[in-house]
Amino acid sequence: MQSSSGIGVGYNIQIAVDTKHKLIAEQQVHNKVSDLGLLAETANTARENLSVDQIDVVADRGYYKIEDIEECKAAGVTPHVPKPLRGSAVRQGFFTKEQFQYDADAGVLICPGGETLEPECKSRIRDNDAAGVVTKKACKACGLRAQGINAAF
């Protein structure tokens, strides 16, 4: 298996469990390091092994791949997988945009510190998608910043 330190002997085990009956519904062994791309294959085979038309599956963030999610839905599998927190902002310890609340009525963002962030360009901020540019006056004086916590803007 390929890893960050080179190639090592190892396997990635996938197990699907029927929580109602406490039985293993599917098991697979892969030499792929990441779980990305394995959800639909494992879950759909488990659904077939259980002889049911529809199942719900729960998996961790490591399985979140939009193509897998769509394939699951098309196959009668309802996935419950949290969206991963990826990107340079997360690696650098910044707040993620999901931690900001968008007030549609006022057209402003509310930061995790409770401050109102006025947009410099209102047309660019929408539905808690903090892609717009906000004024950073509140960020410079924020008490959270003194604790080493930063915003992703």
N, C-alpha and C. Protein backbone atom coordinates (compact mmCIF):
# COMPACT_ATOMS: atom_id res chain seq x y z
N MET A 1 0.84 -1.18 0.00
CA MET A 1 0.00 0.00 0.00
C MET A 1 0.89 1.24 0.00
N GLN A 2 0.57 2.21 -0.81
CA GLN A 2 1.31 3.46 -0.87
C GLN A 2 0.98 4.29 0.37
N SER A 3 1.98 4.86 1.00
CA SER A 3 1.75 5.73 2.15
C SER A 3 2.67 6.93 2.06
N SER A 4 2.56 7.85 2.99
CA SER A 4 3.39 9.05 2.95
C SER A 4 4.87 8.74 3.15
N SER A 5 5.16 7.62 3.78
CA SER A 5 6.56 7.25 4.00
C SER A 5 7.07 6.24 2.98
N GLY A 6 6.32 6.02 1.92
CA GLY A 6 6.73 5.07 0.89
C GLY A 6 5.70 3.99 0.71
N ILE A 7 6.18 2.78 0.48
CA ILE A 7 5.28 1.65 0.29
C ILE A 7 5.44 0.72 1.48
N GLY A 8 4.32 0.28 2.04
CA GLY A 8 4.35 -0.62 3.18
C GLY A 8 3.34 -1.73 3.01
N VAL A 9 3.51 -2.78 3.77
CA VAL A 9 2.57 -3.89 3.73
C VAL A 9 1.36 -3.52 4.59
N GLY A 10 0.21 -3.56 4.00
CA GLY A 10 -0.99 -3.20 4.74
C GLY A 10 -2.21 -3.30 3.84
N TYR A 11 -3.36 -3.27 4.46
CA TYR A 11 -4.62 -3.36 3.73
C TYR A 11 -5.65 -2.43 4.34
N ASN A 12 -6.60 -2.05 3.54
CA ASN A 12 -7.70 -1.21 3.97
C ASN A 12 -8.94 -2.11 4.01
N ILE A 13 -9.45 -2.36 5.18
CA ILE A 13 -10.59 -3.26 5.36
C ILE A 13 -11.88 -2.44 5.40
N GLN A 14 -12.86 -2.85 4.62
CA GLN A 14 -14.18 -2.22 4.61
C GLN A 14 -15.19 -3.23 5.16
N ILE A 15 -15.96 -2.82 6.14
CA ILE A 15 -16.99 -3.69 6.72
C ILE A 15 -18.29 -2.91 6.83
N ALA A 16 -19.37 -3.51 6.37
CA ALA A 16 -20.70 -2.93 6.52
C ALA A 16 -21.46 -3.83 7.49
N VAL A 17 -22.05 -3.23 8.52
CA VAL A 17 -22.74 -3.99 9.56
C VAL A 17 -24.22 -3.62 9.59
N ASP A 18 -25.06 -4.63 9.67
CA ASP A 18 -26.49 -4.44 9.86
C ASP A 18 -26.70 -4.21 11.35
N THR A 19 -27.00 -2.97 11.72
CA THR A 19 -27.09 -2.63 13.14
C THR A 19 -28.29 -3.27 13.84
N LYS A 20 -29.35 -3.56 13.09
CA LYS A 20 -30.54 -4.17 13.70
C LYS A 20 -30.24 -5.61 14.16
N HIS A 21 -29.56 -6.38 13.32
CA HIS A 21 -29.31 -7.78 13.62
C HIS A 21 -27.87 -8.04 14.08
N LYS A 22 -27.05 -6.99 14.10
CA LYS A 22 -25.66 -7.11 14.55
C LYS A 22 -24.87 -8.13 13.71
N LEU A 23 -25.08 -8.08 12.39
CA LEU A 23 -24.42 -8.99 11.47
C LEU A 23 -23.58 -8.22 10.45
N ILE A 24 -22.47 -8.81 10.04
CA ILE A 24 -21.67 -8.22 8.97
C ILE A 24 -22.39 -8.48 7.65
N ALA A 25 -22.75 -7.41 6.96
CA ALA A 25 -23.49 -7.52 5.70
C ALA A 25 -22.55 -7.54 4.50
N GLU A 26 -21.35 -7.00 4.65
CA GLU A 26 -20.38 -6.96 3.56
C GLU A 26 -19.00 -6.73 4.14
N GLN A 27 -18.00 -7.33 3.52
CA GLN A 27 -16.62 -7.09 3.91
C GLN A 27 -15.76 -7.09 2.65
N GLN A 28 -14.79 -6.22 2.62
CA GLN A 28 -13.89 -6.11 1.47
C GLN A 28 -12.50 -5.77 1.97
N VAL A 29 -11.51 -6.18 1.21
CA VAL A 29 -10.12 -5.85 1.51
C VAL A 29 -9.55 -5.13 0.29
N HIS A 30 -8.96 -3.95 0.53
CA HIS A 30 -8.39 -3.14 -0.55
C HIS A 30 -6.95 -2.78 -0.21
N ASN A 31 -6.19 -2.45 -1.24
CA ASN A 31 -4.86 -1.92 -0.99
C ASN A 31 -4.82 -0.42 -1.26
N LYS A 32 -5.99 0.18 -1.37
CA LYS A 32 -6.11 1.62 -1.54
C LYS A 32 -6.01 2.28 -0.16
N VAL A 33 -5.16 3.27 -0.02
CA VAL A 33 -4.94 3.91 1.28
C VAL A 33 -6.18 4.66 1.77
N SER A 34 -6.82 5.39 0.90
CA SER A 34 -7.96 6.23 1.26
C SER A 34 -9.27 5.48 1.14
N ASP A 35 -10.26 5.90 1.94
CA ASP A 35 -11.61 5.33 1.84
C ASP A 35 -12.41 5.99 0.73
N LEU A 36 -11.90 7.07 0.15
CA LEU A 36 -12.61 7.76 -0.93
C LEU A 36 -12.88 6.80 -2.08
N GLY A 37 -14.12 6.77 -2.52
CA GLY A 37 -14.48 5.92 -3.65
C GLY A 37 -14.91 4.52 -3.26
N LEU A 38 -14.92 4.19 -1.98
CA LEU A 38 -15.28 2.84 -1.54
C LEU A 38 -16.68 2.75 -0.95
N LEU A 39 -17.32 3.88 -0.67
CA LEU A 39 -18.63 3.87 -0.02
C LEU A 39 -19.70 3.20 -0.87
N ALA A 40 -19.86 3.64 -2.11
CA ALA A 40 -20.93 3.12 -2.96
C ALA A 40 -20.77 1.62 -3.20
N GLU A 41 -19.55 1.20 -3.48
CA GLU A 41 -19.28 -0.22 -3.73
C GLU A 41 -19.63 -1.07 -2.52
N THR A 42 -19.17 -0.67 -1.35
CA THR A 42 -19.42 -1.44 -0.13
C THR A 42 -20.89 -1.40 0.27
N ALA A 43 -21.49 -0.23 0.26
CA ALA A 43 -22.88 -0.07 0.70
C ALA A 43 -23.86 -0.76 -0.24
N ASN A 44 -23.64 -0.65 -1.54
CA ASN A 44 -24.56 -1.28 -2.49
C ASN A 44 -24.48 -2.80 -2.40
N THR A 45 -23.28 -3.34 -2.24
CA THR A 45 -23.13 -4.79 -2.08
C THR A 45 -23.80 -5.24 -0.78
N ALA A 46 -23.68 -4.45 0.27
CA ALA A 46 -24.35 -4.78 1.53
C ALA A 46 -25.86 -4.79 1.35
N ARG A 47 -26.38 -3.80 0.62
CA ARG A 47 -27.83 -3.75 0.35
C ARG A 47 -28.27 -5.00 -0.40
N GLU A 48 -27.49 -5.41 -1.39
CA GLU A 48 -27.82 -6.62 -2.15
C GLU A 48 -27.75 -7.86 -1.27
N ASN A 49 -26.72 -7.96 -0.42
CA ASN A 49 -26.57 -9.11 0.48
C ASN A 49 -27.72 -9.21 1.47
N LEU A 50 -28.27 -8.07 1.86
CA LEU A 50 -29.39 -8.06 2.80
C LEU A 50 -30.73 -8.27 2.09
N SER A 51 -30.71 -8.27 0.77
CA SER A 51 -31.92 -8.47 -0.06
C SER A 51 -33.00 -7.45 0.26
N VAL A 52 -32.58 -6.18 0.31
CA VAL A 52 -33.53 -5.09 0.53
C VAL A 52 -33.40 -4.07 -0.61
N ASP A 53 -34.45 -3.30 -0.81
CA ASP A 53 -34.44 -2.29 -1.87
C ASP A 53 -33.78 -1.00 -1.44
N GLN A 54 -33.85 -0.70 -0.14
CA GLN A 54 -33.38 0.60 0.37
C GLN A 54 -32.67 0.39 1.70
N ILE A 55 -31.52 1.05 1.89
CA ILE A 55 -30.85 1.06 3.19
C ILE A 55 -30.28 2.44 3.46
N ASP A 56 -30.07 2.72 4.72
CA ASP A 56 -29.37 3.93 5.14
C ASP A 56 -27.97 3.50 5.57
N VAL A 57 -26.98 4.27 5.18
CA VAL A 57 -25.61 3.98 5.60
C VAL A 57 -25.02 5.21 6.29
N VAL A 58 -24.21 4.94 7.30
CA VAL A 58 -23.54 5.99 8.04
C VAL A 58 -22.04 5.75 7.90
N ALA A 59 -21.31 6.78 7.53
CA ALA A 59 -19.86 6.66 7.38
C ALA A 59 -19.20 7.96 7.83
N ASP A 60 -17.89 7.91 8.08
CA ASP A 60 -17.19 9.11 8.53
C ASP A 60 -16.78 9.98 7.34
N ARG A 61 -16.20 11.14 7.64
CA ARG A 61 -15.81 12.13 6.62
C ARG A 61 -14.88 11.57 5.55
N GLY A 62 -14.12 10.56 5.89
CA GLY A 62 -13.16 9.99 4.94
C GLY A 62 -13.80 9.36 3.72
N TYR A 63 -15.10 9.11 3.77
CA TYR A 63 -15.81 8.49 2.66
C TYR A 63 -16.50 9.52 1.76
N TYR A 64 -16.45 10.79 2.13
CA TYR A 64 -17.22 11.80 1.38
C TYR A 64 -16.59 12.08 0.02
N LYS A 65 -17.26 11.61 -0.99
CA LYS A 65 -16.89 11.87 -2.38
C LYS A 65 -18.22 12.03 -3.12
N ILE A 66 -18.42 13.16 -3.75
CA ILE A 66 -19.73 13.47 -4.32
C ILE A 66 -20.18 12.42 -5.33
N GLU A 67 -19.26 11.86 -6.11
CA GLU A 67 -19.64 10.82 -7.07
C GLU A 67 -20.16 9.58 -6.35
N ASP A 68 -19.55 9.23 -5.23
CA ASP A 68 -20.01 8.10 -4.43
C ASP A 68 -21.39 8.36 -3.83
N ILE A 69 -21.59 9.58 -3.34
CA ILE A 69 -22.88 9.96 -2.76
C ILE A 69 -23.99 9.82 -3.80
N GLU A 70 -23.73 10.33 -5.00
CA GLU A 70 -24.73 10.25 -6.08
C GLU A 70 -24.98 8.81 -6.51
N GLU A 71 -23.91 8.01 -6.59
CA GLU A 71 -24.06 6.60 -6.96
C GLU A 71 -24.87 5.85 -5.91
N CYS A 72 -24.65 6.15 -4.65
CA CYS A 72 -25.42 5.53 -3.56
C CYS A 72 -26.90 5.84 -3.71
N LYS A 73 -27.22 7.11 -3.91
CA LYS A 73 -28.63 7.51 -4.02
C LYS A 73 -29.31 6.82 -5.19
N ALA A 74 -28.60 6.69 -6.31
CA ALA A 74 -29.16 6.04 -7.50
C ALA A 74 -29.40 4.54 -7.27
N ALA A 75 -28.64 3.94 -6.35
CA ALA A 75 -28.73 2.50 -6.11
C ALA A 75 -29.67 2.15 -4.95
N GLY A 76 -30.36 3.13 -4.37
CA GLY A 76 -31.26 2.83 -3.26
C GLY A 76 -30.57 2.85 -1.91
N VAL A 77 -29.44 3.52 -1.84
CA VAL A 77 -28.69 3.63 -0.59
C VAL A 77 -28.71 5.10 -0.17
N THR A 78 -29.20 5.38 1.03
CA THR A 78 -29.23 6.75 1.54
C THR A 78 -28.00 6.97 2.41
N PRO A 79 -27.02 7.74 1.91
CA PRO A 79 -25.79 7.94 2.67
C PRO A 79 -25.91 9.08 3.69
N HIS A 80 -25.33 8.88 4.85
CA HIS A 80 -25.24 9.90 5.89
C HIS A 80 -23.74 10.07 6.18
N VAL A 81 -23.13 10.98 5.43
CA VAL A 81 -21.69 11.18 5.51
C VAL A 81 -21.43 12.68 5.68
N PRO A 82 -20.78 13.09 6.76
CA PRO A 82 -20.51 14.52 6.93
C PRO A 82 -19.51 15.02 5.90
N LYS A 83 -19.74 16.24 5.46
CA LYS A 83 -18.83 16.85 4.50
C LYS A 83 -17.51 17.15 5.20
N PRO A 84 -16.40 16.77 4.59
CA PRO A 84 -15.12 16.99 5.25
C PRO A 84 -14.72 18.46 5.28
N LEU A 85 -13.90 18.79 6.25
CA LEU A 85 -13.36 20.14 6.36
C LEU A 85 -11.98 20.11 5.73
N ARG A 86 -11.91 20.51 4.48
CA ARG A 86 -10.65 20.47 3.74
C ARG A 86 -10.25 21.88 3.35
N GLY A 87 -9.03 22.03 2.92
CA GLY A 87 -8.56 23.30 2.38
C GLY A 87 -7.50 23.94 3.24
N SER A 88 -6.88 24.95 2.67
CA SER A 88 -5.77 25.62 3.34
C SER A 88 -6.22 26.37 4.58
N ALA A 89 -7.45 26.91 4.58
CA ALA A 89 -7.93 27.64 5.75
C ALA A 89 -8.01 26.73 6.97
N VAL A 90 -8.49 25.52 6.78
CA VAL A 90 -8.60 24.57 7.89
C VAL A 90 -7.21 24.17 8.38
N ARG A 91 -6.31 23.89 7.45
CA ARG A 91 -4.94 23.50 7.83
C ARG A 91 -4.23 24.59 8.61
N GLN A 92 -4.56 25.85 8.32
CA GLN A 92 -3.91 26.97 8.99
C GLN A 92 -4.62 27.38 10.27
N GLY A 93 -5.67 26.67 10.66
CA GLY A 93 -6.37 26.96 11.90
C GLY A 93 -7.40 28.07 11.80
N PHE A 94 -7.78 28.44 10.60
CA PHE A 94 -8.80 29.48 10.42
C PHE A 94 -10.19 28.90 10.64
N PHE A 95 -11.15 29.80 10.91
CA PHE A 95 -12.54 29.37 10.97
C PHE A 95 -12.97 28.93 9.58
N THR A 96 -13.83 27.92 9.51
CA THR A 96 -14.38 27.51 8.23
C THR A 96 -15.61 28.37 7.95
N LYS A 97 -16.02 28.43 6.69
CA LYS A 97 -17.18 29.26 6.37
C LYS A 97 -18.46 28.70 6.98
N GLU A 98 -18.50 27.41 7.31
CA GLU A 98 -19.68 26.83 7.96
C GLU A 98 -19.87 27.36 9.37
N GLN A 99 -18.81 27.91 9.98
CA GLN A 99 -18.91 28.44 11.33
C GLN A 99 -19.48 29.85 11.36
N PHE A 100 -19.67 30.46 10.21
CA PHE A 100 -20.27 31.79 10.10
C PHE A 100 -21.75 31.63 9.78
N GLN A 101 -22.57 32.50 10.34
CA GLN A 101 -24.00 32.49 10.08
C GLN A 101 -24.32 33.63 9.11
N TYR A 102 -25.14 33.35 8.12
CA TYR A 102 -25.55 34.38 7.18
C TYR A 102 -26.94 34.87 7.55
N ASP A 103 -27.07 36.15 7.78
CA ASP A 103 -28.36 36.77 8.07
C ASP A 103 -28.88 37.36 6.76
N ALA A 104 -29.78 36.64 6.11
CA ALA A 104 -30.28 37.04 4.80
C ALA A 104 -31.04 38.36 4.85
N ASP A 105 -31.78 38.59 5.94
CA ASP A 105 -32.57 39.82 6.05
C ASP A 105 -31.67 41.05 6.09
N ALA A 106 -30.59 40.96 6.86
CA ALA A 106 -29.68 42.11 6.99
C ALA A 106 -28.58 42.08 5.93
N GLY A 107 -28.38 40.92 5.29
CA GLY A 107 -27.34 40.81 4.27
C GLY A 107 -25.93 40.85 4.86
N VAL A 108 -25.77 40.27 6.05
CA VAL A 108 -24.47 40.30 6.73
C VAL A 108 -24.10 38.90 7.22
N LEU A 109 -22.83 38.73 7.53
CA LEU A 109 -22.34 37.51 8.15
C LEU A 109 -22.15 37.75 9.63
N ILE A 110 -22.44 36.75 10.44
CA ILE A 110 -22.18 36.82 11.88
C ILE A 110 -21.04 35.83 12.13
N CYS A 111 -19.93 36.34 12.65
CA CYS A 111 -18.76 35.50 12.86
C CYS A 111 -18.91 34.67 14.14
N PRO A 112 -18.05 33.66 14.34
CA PRO A 112 -18.12 32.85 15.55
C PRO A 112 -17.93 33.67 16.83
N GLY A 113 -17.31 34.83 16.71
CA GLY A 113 -17.14 35.71 17.87
C GLY A 113 -18.34 36.59 18.13
N GLY A 114 -19.39 36.46 17.29
CA GLY A 114 -20.62 37.23 17.49
C GLY A 114 -20.63 38.59 16.81
N GLU A 115 -19.58 38.93 16.09
CA GLU A 115 -19.51 40.23 15.41
C GLU A 115 -20.25 40.18 14.08
N THR A 116 -20.82 41.31 13.70
CA THR A 116 -21.48 41.44 12.40
C THR A 116 -20.44 41.90 11.40
N LEU A 117 -20.33 41.17 10.31
CA LEU A 117 -19.35 41.50 9.26
C LEU A 117 -20.10 42.03 8.05
N GLU A 118 -19.92 43.30 7.79
CA GLU A 118 -20.58 43.95 6.66
C GLU A 118 -19.83 43.61 5.37
N PRO A 119 -20.54 43.25 4.32
CA PRO A 119 -19.86 42.95 3.06
C PRO A 119 -19.45 44.23 2.34
N GLU A 120 -18.31 44.16 1.67
CA GLU A 120 -17.88 45.27 0.82
C GLU A 120 -18.61 45.19 -0.52
N CYS A 121 -19.04 43.99 -0.88
CA CYS A 121 -19.73 43.76 -2.15
C CYS A 121 -20.90 42.82 -1.87
N LYS A 122 -22.07 43.37 -1.59
CA LYS A 122 -23.22 42.57 -1.15
C LYS A 122 -23.64 41.50 -2.15
N SER A 123 -23.44 41.71 -3.43
CA SER A 123 -23.90 40.73 -4.41
C SER A 123 -23.08 39.45 -4.39
N ARG A 124 -21.93 39.46 -3.73
CA ARG A 124 -21.06 38.28 -3.75
C ARG A 124 -21.27 37.36 -2.55
N ILE A 125 -22.08 37.75 -1.57
CA ILE A 125 -22.32 36.88 -0.41
C ILE A 125 -23.71 36.29 -0.54
N ARG A 126 -23.79 34.95 -0.39
CA ARG A 126 -25.09 34.30 -0.54
C ARG A 126 -25.14 33.02 0.29
N ASP A 127 -26.25 32.72 0.89
CA ASP A 127 -26.53 31.45 1.58
C ASP A 127 -25.37 30.90 2.41
N ASN A 128 -24.80 31.71 3.27
CA ASN A 128 -23.69 31.30 4.13
C ASN A 128 -22.47 30.86 3.32
N ASP A 129 -22.42 31.23 2.04
CA ASP A 129 -21.24 30.96 1.23
C ASP A 129 -20.40 32.20 1.34
N ALA A 130 -19.44 32.16 2.21
CA ALA A 130 -18.67 33.35 2.54
C ALA A 130 -17.64 33.66 1.47
N ALA A 131 -18.05 33.58 0.22
CA ALA A 131 -17.13 33.86 -0.88
C ALA A 131 -16.97 35.36 -1.06
N GLY A 132 -17.90 36.13 -0.54
CA GLY A 132 -17.81 37.58 -0.69
C GLY A 132 -16.73 38.18 0.18
N VAL A 133 -16.36 39.37 -0.14
CA VAL A 133 -15.34 40.06 0.63
C VAL A 133 -16.04 40.84 1.74
N VAL A 134 -15.57 40.67 2.97
CA VAL A 134 -16.16 41.39 4.09
C VAL A 134 -15.12 42.34 4.66
N THR A 135 -15.61 43.40 5.31
CA THR A 135 -14.68 44.32 5.96
C THR A 135 -14.05 43.61 7.14
N LYS A 136 -12.80 43.88 7.39
CA LYS A 136 -12.05 43.14 8.41
C LYS A 136 -11.81 43.97 9.67
N LYS A 137 -12.52 45.08 9.83
CA LYS A 137 -12.36 45.91 11.02
C LYS A 137 -12.65 45.11 12.29
N ALA A 138 -13.75 44.37 12.28
CA ALA A 138 -14.13 43.58 13.45
C ALA A 138 -13.11 42.46 13.71
N CYS A 139 -12.53 41.91 12.66
CA CYS A 139 -11.55 40.82 12.82
C CYS A 139 -10.28 41.30 13.52
N LYS A 140 -9.84 42.50 13.21
CA LYS A 140 -8.60 43.01 13.79
C LYS A 140 -8.71 43.24 15.29
N ALA A 141 -9.90 43.57 15.77
CA ALA A 141 -10.09 43.84 17.19
C ALA A 141 -10.72 42.66 17.94
N CYS A 142 -10.88 41.53 17.28
CA CYS A 142 -11.58 40.39 17.87
C CYS A 142 -10.77 39.72 18.98
N GLY A 143 -11.46 39.37 20.07
CA GLY A 143 -10.82 38.68 21.18
C GLY A 143 -10.38 37.27 20.81
N LEU A 144 -11.07 36.65 19.86
CA LEU A 144 -10.68 35.31 19.42
C LEU A 144 -9.34 35.34 18.70
N ARG A 145 -9.06 36.44 18.03
CA ARG A 145 -7.78 36.58 17.32
C ARG A 145 -6.63 36.58 18.32
N ALA A 146 -6.84 37.19 19.47
CA ALA A 146 -5.81 37.23 20.50
C ALA A 146 -5.50 35.82 21.02
N GLN A 147 -6.47 34.91 20.87
CA GLN A 147 -6.28 33.53 21.30
C GLN A 147 -5.65 32.68 20.19
N GLY A 148 -5.29 33.30 19.07
CA GLY A 148 -4.65 32.58 17.98
C GLY A 148 -5.64 31.96 17.01
N ILE A 149 -6.89 32.39 17.06
CA ILE A 149 -7.90 31.88 16.16
C ILE A 149 -8.14 32.92 15.08
N ASN A 150 -8.16 32.51 13.84
CA ASN A 150 -8.29 33.44 12.72
C ASN A 150 -9.52 33.12 11.89
N ALA A 151 -9.95 34.07 11.11
CA ALA A 151 -11.04 33.87 10.16
C ALA A 151 -10.46 33.52 8.82
N ALA A 152 -11.26 32.83 8.01
CA ALA A 152 -10.80 32.35 6.71
C ALA A 152 -10.91 33.40 5.61
N PHE A 153 -11.14 34.66 5.94
CA PHE A 153 -11.28 35.68 4.91
C PHE A 153 -10.03 36.51 4.84
